[in-house]
PDB file of N, CA and C in Angstrom:
ATOM      1  N   MET A   1     -30.357  -2.040  -3.253  1.00  0.00           N
ATOM      2  CA  MET A   1     -29.387  -2.812  -2.900  1.00  0.00           C
ATOM      3  C   MET A   1     -28.929  -2.258  -1.558  1.00  0.00           C
ATOM      4  N   ALA A   2     -28.642  -3.563  -0.709  1.00  0.00           N
ATOM      5  CA  ALA A   2     -28.404  -2.889   0.697  1.00  0.00           C
ATOM      6  C   ALA A   2     -26.713  -2.499   0.784  1.00  0.00           C
ATOM      7  N   GLN A   3     -26.666  -1.570   1.793  1.00  0.00           N
ATOM      8  CA  GLN A   3     -25.210  -0.702   1.919  1.00  0.00           C
ATOM      9  C   GLN A   3     -24.352  -1.874   2.444  1.00  0.00           C
ATOM     10  N   GLU A   4     -23.256  -2.070   1.924  1.00  0.00           N
ATOM     11  CA  GLU A   4     -22.589  -3.002   2.391  1.00  0.00           C
ATOM     12  C   GLU A   4     -21.756  -2.597   3.786  1.00  0.00           C
ATOM     13  N   LYS A   5     -21.277  -3.360   4.897  1.00  0.00           N
ATOM     14  CA  LYS A   5     -20.917  -2.953   6.098  1.00  0.00           C
ATOM     15  C   LYS A   5     -19.725  -3.699   6.316  1.00  0.00           C
ATOM     16  N   ILE A   6     -18.687  -3.485   7.169  1.00  0.00           N
ATOM     17  CA  ILE A   6     -17.617  -4.094   7.685  1.00  0.00           C
ATOM     18  C   ILE A   6     -17.660  -3.797   9.163  1.00  0.00           C
ATOM     19  N   GLN A   7     -17.559  -4.807   9.893  1.00  0.00           N
ATOM     20  CA  GLN A   7     -17.635  -4.403  11.272  1.00  0.00           C
ATOM     21  C   GLN A   7     -18.819  -3.509  11.611  1.00  0.00           C
ATOM     22  N   GLY A   8     -20.057  -3.478  11.087  1.00  0.00           N
ATOM     23  CA  GLY A   8     -21.270  -2.774  11.443  1.00  0.00           C
ATOM     24  C   GLY A   8     -20.757  -1.307  10.991  1.00  0.00           C
ATOM     25  N   ILE A   9     -19.537  -0.879  10.324  1.00  0.00           N
ATOM     26  CA  ILE A   9     -19.366   0.526   9.730  1.00  0.00           C
ATOM     27  C   ILE A   9     -19.868   0.427   8.374  1.00  0.00           C
ATOM     28  N   SER A  10     -20.716   1.300   7.645  1.00  0.00           N
ATOM     29  CA  SER A  10     -21.071   1.456   6.386  1.00  0.00           C
ATOM     30  C   SER A  10     -19.796   2.065   5.481  1.00  0.00           C
ATOM     31  N   VAL A  11     -19.800   1.097   4.421  1.00  0.00           N
ATOM     32  CA  VAL A  11     -18.579   1.253   3.388  1.00  0.00           C
ATOM     33  C   VAL A  11     -19.179   2.085   2.292  1.00  0.00           C
ATOM     34  N   SER A  12     -18.607   3.092   1.992  1.00  0.00           N
ATOM     35  CA  SER A  12     -18.761   3.892   0.721  1.00  0.00           C
ATOM     36  C   SER A  12     -17.996   3.818  -0.345  1.00  0.00           C
ATOM     37  N   ASP A  13     -18.594   4.092  -1.709  1.00  0.00           N
ATOM     38  CA  ASP A  13     -17.771   3.963  -2.865  1.00  0.00           C
ATOM     39  C   ASP A  13     -16.408   4.908  -2.623  1.00  0.00           C
ATOM     40  N   GLU A  14     -16.240   5.941  -2.023  1.00  0.00           N
ATOM     41  CA  GLU A  14     -15.114   6.768  -1.859  1.00  0.00           C
ATOM     42  C   GLU A  14     -14.178   5.805  -0.835  1.00  0.00           C
ATOM     43  N   MET A  15     -14.403   5.067  -0.012  1.00  0.00           N
ATOM     44  CA  MET A  15     -13.587   4.356   0.909  1.00  0.00           C
ATOM     45  C   MET A  15     -13.094   3.128   0.012  1.00  0.00           C
ATOM     46  N   ILE A  16     -13.822   2.571  -0.708  1.00  0.00           N
ATOM     47  CA  ILE A  16     -13.316   1.494  -1.615  1.00  0.00           C
ATOM     48  C   ILE A  16     -12.396   1.976  -2.461  1.00  0.00           C
ATOM     49  N   GLU A  17     -12.833   3.041  -3.502  1.00  0.00           N
ATOM     50  CA  GLU A  17     -11.937   3.546  -3.988  1.00  0.00           C
ATOM     51  C   GLU A  17     -10.563   4.237  -3.602  1.00  0.00           C
ATOM     52  N   SER A  18     -10.587   4.911  -2.428  1.00  0.00           N
ATOM     53  CA  SER A  18      -9.321   4.906  -1.581  1.00  0.00           C
ATOM     54  C   SER A  18      -8.574   3.609  -1.285  1.00  0.00           C
ATOM     55  N   TRP A  19      -9.185   2.614  -0.962  1.00  0.00           N
ATOM     56  CA  TRP A  19      -8.391   1.323  -0.659  1.00  0.00           C
ATOM     57  C   TRP A  19      -7.857   0.711  -1.614  1.00  0.00           C
ATOM     58  N   ALA A  20      -8.691   0.709  -2.829  1.00  0.00           N
ATOM     59  CA  ALA A  20      -8.121   0.417  -4.275  1.00  0.00           C
ATOM     60  C   ALA A  20      -6.766   0.861  -4.570  1.00  0.00           C
ATOM     61  N   ALA A  21      -6.802   2.024  -4.339  1.00  0.00           N
ATOM     62  CA  ALA A  21      -5.563   2.893  -4.802  1.00  0.00           C
ATOM     63  C   ALA A  21      -4.223   2.924  -3.686  1.00  0.00           C
ATOM     64  N   GLU A  22      -4.756   2.606  -2.717  1.00  0.00           N
ATOM     65  CA  GLU A  22      -3.846   2.356  -1.764  1.00  0.00           C
ATOM     66  C   GLU A  22      -3.080   1.089  -2.049  1.00  0.00           C
ATOM     67  N   ALA A  23      -3.992  -0.152  -2.468  1.00  0.00           N
ATOM     68  CA  ALA A  23      -3.270  -1.359  -2.633  1.00  0.00           C
ATOM     69  C   ALA A  23      -2.714  -1.480  -4.208  1.00  0.00           C
ATOM     70  N   GLU A  24      -3.135  -0.458  -4.940  1.00  0.00           N
ATOM     71  CA  GLU A  24      -2.249  -0.740  -6.502  1.00  0.00           C
ATOM     72  C   GLU A  24      -1.074   0.151  -6.042  1.00  0.00           C
ATOM     73  N   THR A  25      -0.833   0.802  -5.020  1.00  0.00           N
ATOM     74  CA  THR A  25       0.357   1.567  -4.754  1.00  0.00           C
ATOM     75  C   THR A  25       1.264   0.552  -4.252  1.00  0.00           C
ATOM     76  N   GLY A  26       0.743  -0.349  -3.409  1.00  0.00           N
ATOM     77  CA  GLY A  26       1.655  -1.300  -2.847  1.00  0.00           C
ATOM     78  C   GLY A  26       1.770  -1.003  -1.190  1.00  0.00           C
ATOM     79  N   TYR A  27       2.279  -2.482  -0.596  1.00  0.00           N
ATOM     80  CA  TYR A  27       2.313  -2.198   0.855  1.00  0.00           C
ATOM     81  C   TYR A  27       3.730  -2.477   1.315  1.00  0.00           C
ATOM     82  N   PRO A  28       4.439  -1.957   2.249  1.00  0.00           N
ATOM     83  CA  PRO A  28       5.666  -2.361   2.537  1.00  0.00           C
ATOM     84  C   PRO A  28       5.889  -3.912   3.238  1.00  0.00           C
ATOM     85  N   PHE A  29       6.724  -4.642   2.793  1.00  0.00           N
ATOM     86  CA  PHE A  29       6.521  -6.279   2.997  1.00  0.00           C
ATOM     87  C   PHE A  29       6.383  -6.225   4.605  1.00  0.00           C
ATOM     88  N   GLU A  30       7.173  -5.643   5.116  1.00  0.00           N
ATOM     89  CA  GLU A  30       7.014  -5.541   6.921  1.00  0.00           C
ATOM     90  C   GLU A  30       5.595  -5.375   7.333  1.00  0.00           C
ATOM     91  N   GLN A  31       4.915  -4.494   6.599  1.00  0.00           N
ATOM     92  CA  GLN A  31       3.603  -3.983   7.223  1.00  0.00           C
ATOM     93  C   GLN A  31       2.493  -4.907   7.101  1.00  0.00           C
ATOM     94  N   LEU A  32       2.894  -6.281   6.198  1.00  0.00           N
ATOM     95  CA  LEU A  32       1.781  -7.168   5.901  1.00  0.00           C
ATOM     96  C   LEU A  32       1.670  -7.993   6.898  1.00  0.00           C
ATOM     97  N   ARG A  33       0.582  -8.847   7.300  1.00  0.00           N
ATOM     98  CA  ARG A  33       0.678  -9.609   8.244  1.00  0.00           C
ATOM     99  C   ARG A  33       1.048 -11.270   7.964  1.00  0.00           C
ATOM    100  N   LYS A  34       1.552 -11.855   8.688  1.00  0.00           N
ATOM    101  CA  LYS A  34       2.020 -13.270   8.490  1.00  0.00           C
ATOM    102  C   LYS A  34       0.888 -14.126   8.736  1.00  0.00           C
ATOM    103  N   ARG A  35       0.379 -15.269   7.750  1.00  0.00           N
ATOM    104  CA  ARG A  35      -0.611 -15.859   7.968  1.00  0.00           C
ATOM    105  C   ARG A  35      -0.092 -17.313   8.455  1.00  0.00           C
ATOM    106  N   GLY A  36      -0.558 -18.426   9.129  1.00  0.00           N
ATOM    107  CA  GLY A  36      -0.676 -19.434   9.471  1.00  0.00           C
ATOM    108  C   GLY A  36       0.347 -19.456  10.628  1.00  0.00           C
ATOM    109  N   ARG A  37       0.738 -20.890  10.739  1.00  0.00           N
ATOM    110  CA  ARG A  37       1.405 -21.274  12.419  1.00  0.00           C
ATOM    111  C   ARG A  37       2.762 -20.786  12.053  1.00  0.00           C
ATOM    112  N   LYS A  38       3.210 -20.483  13.058  1.00  0.00           N
ATOM    113  CA  LYS A  38       4.721 -20.217  13.157  1.00  0.00           C
ATOM    114  C   LYS A  38       5.466 -21.876  12.700  1.00  0.00           C
ATOM    115  N   SER A  39       6.497 -21.639  12.100  1.00  0.00           N
ATOM    116  CA  SER A  39       7.432 -22.766  11.475  1.00  0.00           C
ATOM    117  C   SER A  39       8.179 -23.485  12.759  1.00  0.00           C
ATOM    118  N   LEU A  40       8.109 -24.844  12.697  1.00  0.00           N
ATOM    119  CA  LEU A  40       8.662 -25.511  13.893  1.00  0.00           C
ATOM    120  C   LEU A  40       9.899 -25.855  13.392  1.00  0.00           C
ATOM    121  N   GLY A  41      10.505 -25.370  12.378  1.00  0.00           N
ATOM    122  CA  GLY A  41      11.787 -26.166  12.185  1.00  0.00           C
ATOM    123  C   GLY A  41      12.375 -25.410  10.684  1.00  0.00           C
ATOM    124  N   ASP A  42      13.435 -26.060  10.058  1.00  0.00           N
ATOM    125  CA  ASP A  42      13.722 -25.518   8.790  1.00  0.00           C
ATOM    126  C   ASP A  42      12.709 -25.386   7.759  1.00  0.00           C
ATOM    127  N   GLY A  43      11.931 -26.667   7.822  1.00  0.00           N
ATOM    128  CA  GLY A  43      11.238 -26.852   6.478  1.00  0.00           C
ATOM    129  C   GLY A  43       9.553 -26.459   6.752  1.00  0.00           C
ATOM    130  N   VAL A  44       8.975 -27.398   6.113  1.00  0.00           N
ATOM    131  CA  VAL A  44       7.663 -27.385   6.301  1.00  0.00           C
ATOM    132  C   VAL A  44       7.199 -28.607   7.318  1.00  0.00           C
ATOM    133  N   SER A  45       6.104 -28.532   8.402  1.00  0.00           N
ATOM    134  CA  SER A  45       5.888 -29.194   9.138  1.00  0.00           C
ATOM    135  C   SER A  45       4.679 -30.100   8.452  1.00  0.00           C
ATOM    136  N   GLU A  46       4.692 -31.582   8.746  1.00  0.00           N
ATOM    137  CA  GLU A  46       3.587 -32.321   8.492  1.00  0.00           C
ATOM    138  C   GLU A  46       2.493 -32.849   9.620  1.00  0.00           C
ATOM    139  N   VAL A  47       1.442 -32.756   9.440  1.00  0.00           N
ATOM    140  CA  VAL A  47       0.337 -33.109  10.337  1.00  0.00           C
ATOM    141  C   VAL A  47       0.544 -34.712  10.624  1.00  0.00           C
ATOM    142  N   ILE A  48       0.527 -35.006  11.874  1.00  0.00           N
ATOM    143  CA  ILE A  48       0.650 -36.562  12.007  1.00  0.00           C
ATOM    144  C   ILE A  48      -0.637 -36.952  12.899  1.00  0.00           C
ATOM    145  N   PRO A  49      -1.651 -37.464  12.218  1.00  0.00           N
ATOM    146  CA  PRO A  49      -2.690 -37.824  13.143  1.00  0.00           C
ATOM    147  C   PRO A  49      -2.342 -39.232  13.993  1.00  0.00           C
ATOM    148  N   VAL A  50      -2.906 -39.171  15.360  1.00  0.00           N
ATOM    149  CA  VAL A  50      -2.570 -40.156  16.009  1.00  0.00           C
ATOM    150  C   VAL A  50      -3.535 -40.510  16.845  1.00  0.00           C
ATOM    151  N   ARG A  51      -3.935 -41.820  16.946  1.00  0.00           N
ATOM    152  CA  ARG A  51      -4.946 -42.220  17.887  1.00  0.00           C
ATOM    153  C   ARG A  51      -4.322 -42.517  19.183  1.00  0.00           C
ATOM    154  N   MET A  52      -5.027 -42.349  20.285  1.00  0.00           N
ATOM    155  CA  MET A  52      -5.138 -42.720  21.614  1.00  0.00           C
ATOM    156  C   MET A  52      -6.239 -42.973  22.264  1.00  0.00           C
ATOM    157  N   ASP A  53      -6.087 -44.099  23.225  1.00  0.00           N
ATOM    158  CA  ASP A  53      -7.408 -44.362  24.026  1.00  0.00           C
ATOM    159  C   ASP A  53      -7.620 -43.357  25.117  1.00  0.00           C
ATOM    160  N   GLN A  54      -8.962 -43.305  25.523  1.00  0.00           N
ATOM    161  CA  GLN A  54      -9.219 -42.376  26.576  1.00  0.00           C
ATOM    162  C   GLN A  54      -8.342 -41.921  27.487  1.00  0.00           C
ATOM    163  N   GLU A  55      -7.718 -43.134  28.219  1.00  0.00           N
ATOM    164  CA  GLU A  55      -7.036 -43.330  29.305  1.00  0.00           C
ATOM    165  C   GLU A  55      -5.580 -42.255  28.989  1.00  0.00           C
ATOM    166  N   LEU A  56      -4.952 -42.659  27.956  1.00  0.00           N
ATOM    167  CA  LEU A  56      -3.458 -42.253  27.974  1.00  0.00           C
ATOM    168  C   LEU A  56      -4.209 -40.610  27.139  1.00  0.00           C
ATOM    169  N   LEU A  57      -5.124 -40.370  26.507  1.00  0.00           N
ATOM    170  CA  LEU A  57      -5.342 -39.046  26.161  1.00  0.00           C
ATOM    171  C   LEU A  57      -5.804 -37.807  27.416  1.00  0.00           C
ATOM    172  N   SER A  58      -6.253 -38.633  28.308  1.00  0.00           N
ATOM    173  CA  SER A  58      -6.640 -37.760  29.696  1.00  0.00           C
ATOM    174  C   SER A  58      -5.176 -37.381  30.567  1.00  0.00           C
ATOM    175  N   ALA A  59      -4.313 -38.403  30.325  1.00  0.00           N
ATOM    176  CA  ALA A  59      -3.054 -38.498  31.296  1.00  0.00           C
ATOM    177  C   ALA A  59      -2.175 -37.212  30.258  1.00  0.00           C
ATOM    178  N   LEU A  60      -2.550 -37.334  29.083  1.00  0.00           N
ATOM    179  CA  LEU A  60      -1.699 -36.466  28.073  1.00  0.00           C
ATOM    180  C   LEU A  60      -2.353 -35.017  28.293  1.00  0.00           C
ATOM    181  N   ALA A  61      -3.401 -34.933  28.675  1.00  0.00           N
ATOM    182  CA  ALA A  61      -3.764 -33.691  28.941  1.00  0.00           C
ATOM    183  C   ALA A  61      -3.800 -33.006  30.152  1.00  0.00           C
ATOM    184  N   ALA A  62      -3.566 -33.853  31.273  1.00  0.00           N
ATOM    185  CA  ALA A  62      -3.352 -33.418  32.675  1.00  0.00           C
ATOM    186  C   ALA A  62      -2.106 -33.162  32.484  1.00  0.00           C
ATOM    187  N   ARG A  63      -1.237 -33.836  32.050  1.00  0.00           N
ATOM    188  CA  ARG A  63       0.629 -33.500  32.076  1.00  0.00           C
ATOM    189  C   ARG A  63       0.632 -32.322  31.480  1.00  0.00           C
ATOM    190  N   ALA A  64       0.086 -32.106  30.417  1.00  0.00           N
ATOM    191  CA  ALA A  64       0.343 -30.761  29.363  1.00  0.00           C
ATOM    192  C   ALA A  64      -0.192 -29.802  30.177  1.00  0.00           C
ATOM    193  N   GLU A  65      -1.366 -29.668  31.189  1.00  0.00           N
ATOM    194  CA  GLU A  65      -1.909 -28.561  31.721  1.00  0.00           C
ATOM    195  C   GLU A  65      -0.811 -28.230  32.838  1.00  0.00           C
ATOM    196  N   LEU A  66      -0.389 -29.437  33.314  1.00  0.00           N
ATOM    197  CA  LEU A  66       0.433 -29.176  34.574  1.00  0.00           C
ATOM    198  C   LEU A  66       1.747 -28.692  34.100  1.00  0.00           C
ATOM    199  N   GLU A  67       2.198 -28.581  33.085  1.00  0.00           N
ATOM    200  CA  GLU A  67       3.514 -28.187  32.456  1.00  0.00           C
ATOM    201  C   GLU A  67       3.349 -27.314  31.812  1.00  0.00           C
ATOM    202  N   HIS A  68       1.794 -26.625  31.604  1.00  0.00           N
ATOM    203  CA  HIS A  68       1.769 -25.540  30.769  1.00  0.00           C
ATOM    204  C   HIS A  68       2.216 -25.179  29.469  1.00  0.00           C
ATOM    205  N   VAL A  69       2.051 -26.484  28.622  1.00  0.00           N
ATOM    206  CA  VAL A  69       2.185 -26.892  27.403  1.00  0.00           C
ATOM    207  C   VAL A  69       1.116 -27.070  26.714  1.00  0.00           C
ATOM    208  N   THR A  70       0.754 -27.203  25.377  1.00  0.00           N
ATOM    209  CA  THR A  70      -0.187 -27.803  24.554  1.00  0.00           C
ATOM    210  C   THR A  70      -0.078 -29.346  24.546  1.00  0.00           C
ATOM    211  N   ARG A  71      -1.258 -29.820  24.400  1.00  0.00           N
ATOM    212  CA  ARG A  71      -1.014 -31.482  23.818  1.00  0.00           C
ATOM    213  C   ARG A  71       0.204 -31.693  22.827  1.00  0.00           C
ATOM    214  N   SER A  72       0.037 -30.715  21.797  1.00  0.00           N
ATOM    215  CA  SER A  72       0.868 -30.911  20.769  1.00  0.00           C
ATOM    216  C   SER A  72       2.300 -30.649  21.116  1.00  0.00           C
ATOM    217  N   GLU A  73       2.844 -29.872  21.922  1.00  0.00           N
ATOM    218  CA  GLU A  73       3.968 -29.591  22.258  1.00  0.00           C
ATOM    219  C   GLU A  73       4.294 -30.744  23.218  1.00  0.00           C
ATOM    220  N   ALA A  74       3.539 -31.213  24.073  1.00  0.00           N
ATOM    221  CA  ALA A  74       3.886 -32.452  24.958  1.00  0.00           C
ATOM    222  C   ALA A  74       4.367 -33.718  24.057  1.00  0.00           C
ATOM    223  N   ILE A  75       3.723 -33.898  23.043  1.00  0.00           N
ATOM    224  CA  ILE A  75       3.819 -34.678  22.129  1.00  0.00           C
ATOM    225  C   ILE A  75       5.340 -34.741  21.370  1.00  0.00           C
ATOM    226  N   ARG A  76       5.494 -33.387  20.834  1.00  0.00           N
ATOM    227  CA  ARG A  76       6.925 -33.618  20.322  1.00  0.00           C
ATOM    228  C   ARG A  76       7.943 -33.761  20.994  1.00  0.00           C
ATOM    229  N   ALA A  77       7.671 -33.063  22.420  1.00  0.00           N
ATOM    230  CA  ALA A  77       8.842 -33.129  23.408  1.00  0.00           C
ATOM    231  C   ALA A  77       9.224 -34.614  23.369  1.00  0.00           C
ATOM    232  N   ALA A  78       7.701 -35.520  23.776  1.00  0.00           N
ATOM    233  CA  ALA A  78       8.175 -36.952  24.111  1.00  0.00           C
ATOM    234  C   ALA A  78       8.762 -37.842  23.232  1.00  0.00           C
ATOM    235  N   VAL A  79       8.348 -37.276  21.469  1.00  0.00           N
ATOM    236  CA  VAL A  79       9.044 -37.883  20.582  1.00  0.00           C
ATOM    237  C   VAL A  79      10.293 -37.443  20.543  1.00  0.00           C
ATOM    238  N   ARG A  80      10.799 -36.294  20.648  1.00  0.00           N
ATOM    239  CA  ARG A  80      12.207 -35.950  20.633  1.00  0.00           C
ATOM    240  C   ARG A  80      13.207 -36.710  21.413  1.00  0.00           C
ATOM    241  N   ASP A  81      12.647 -36.873  22.766  1.00  0.00           N
ATOM    242  CA  ASP A  81      13.314 -37.757  23.568  1.00  0.00           C
ATOM    243  C   ASP A  81      13.541 -38.888  23.564  1.00  0.00           C
ATOM    244  N   TRP A  82      12.519 -39.386  22.770  1.00  0.00           N
ATOM    245  CA  TRP A  82      12.233 -40.990  22.595  1.00  0.00           C
ATOM    246  C   TRP A  82      13.223 -41.229  21.199  1.00  0.00           C
ATOM    247  N   VAL A  83      13.368 -40.151  20.282  1.00  0.00           N
ATOM    248  CA  VAL A  83      14.232 -40.746  19.145  1.00  0.00           C
ATOM    249  C   VAL A  83      15.670 -39.903  19.433  1.00  0.00           C
ATOM    250  N   HIS A  84      15.862 -39.017  20.790  1.00  0.00           N
ATOM    251  CA  HIS A  84      16.998 -38.455  20.888  1.00  0.00           C
ATOM    252  C   HIS A  84      17.649 -37.648  19.992  1.00  0.00           C
ATOM    253  N   VAL A  85      16.740 -36.931  19.782  1.00  0.00           N
ATOM    254  CA  VAL A  85      16.824 -35.284  19.001  1.00  0.00           C
ATOM    255  C   VAL A  85      16.650 -34.230  19.759  1.00  0.00           C
ATOM    256  N   ALA A  86      17.549 -33.416  19.551  1.00  0.00           N
ATOM    257  CA  ALA A  86      17.502 -31.945  20.202  1.00  0.00           C
ATOM    258  C   ALA A  86      16.627 -31.086  19.596  1.00  0.00           C
TER     259      ALA A  86
END
């Protein structure tokens, strides 16, 4: 059977046993990595697909690049402005 590797480094049975013992002991909450994107507000965010023609999409991309923001950030700012929400 082939030797298992992680990032090119061979993994021994002793390493696996050591990791298992460490995991069974538990990790401090602060040490664990948070996964996913950061929250945009108080609750769960919803993804809203939006269709745009090529001219509008190009203008959005150009303005977002000029302002040093992502297209999503630019769209959120425009919607907030439009509905007058801070």
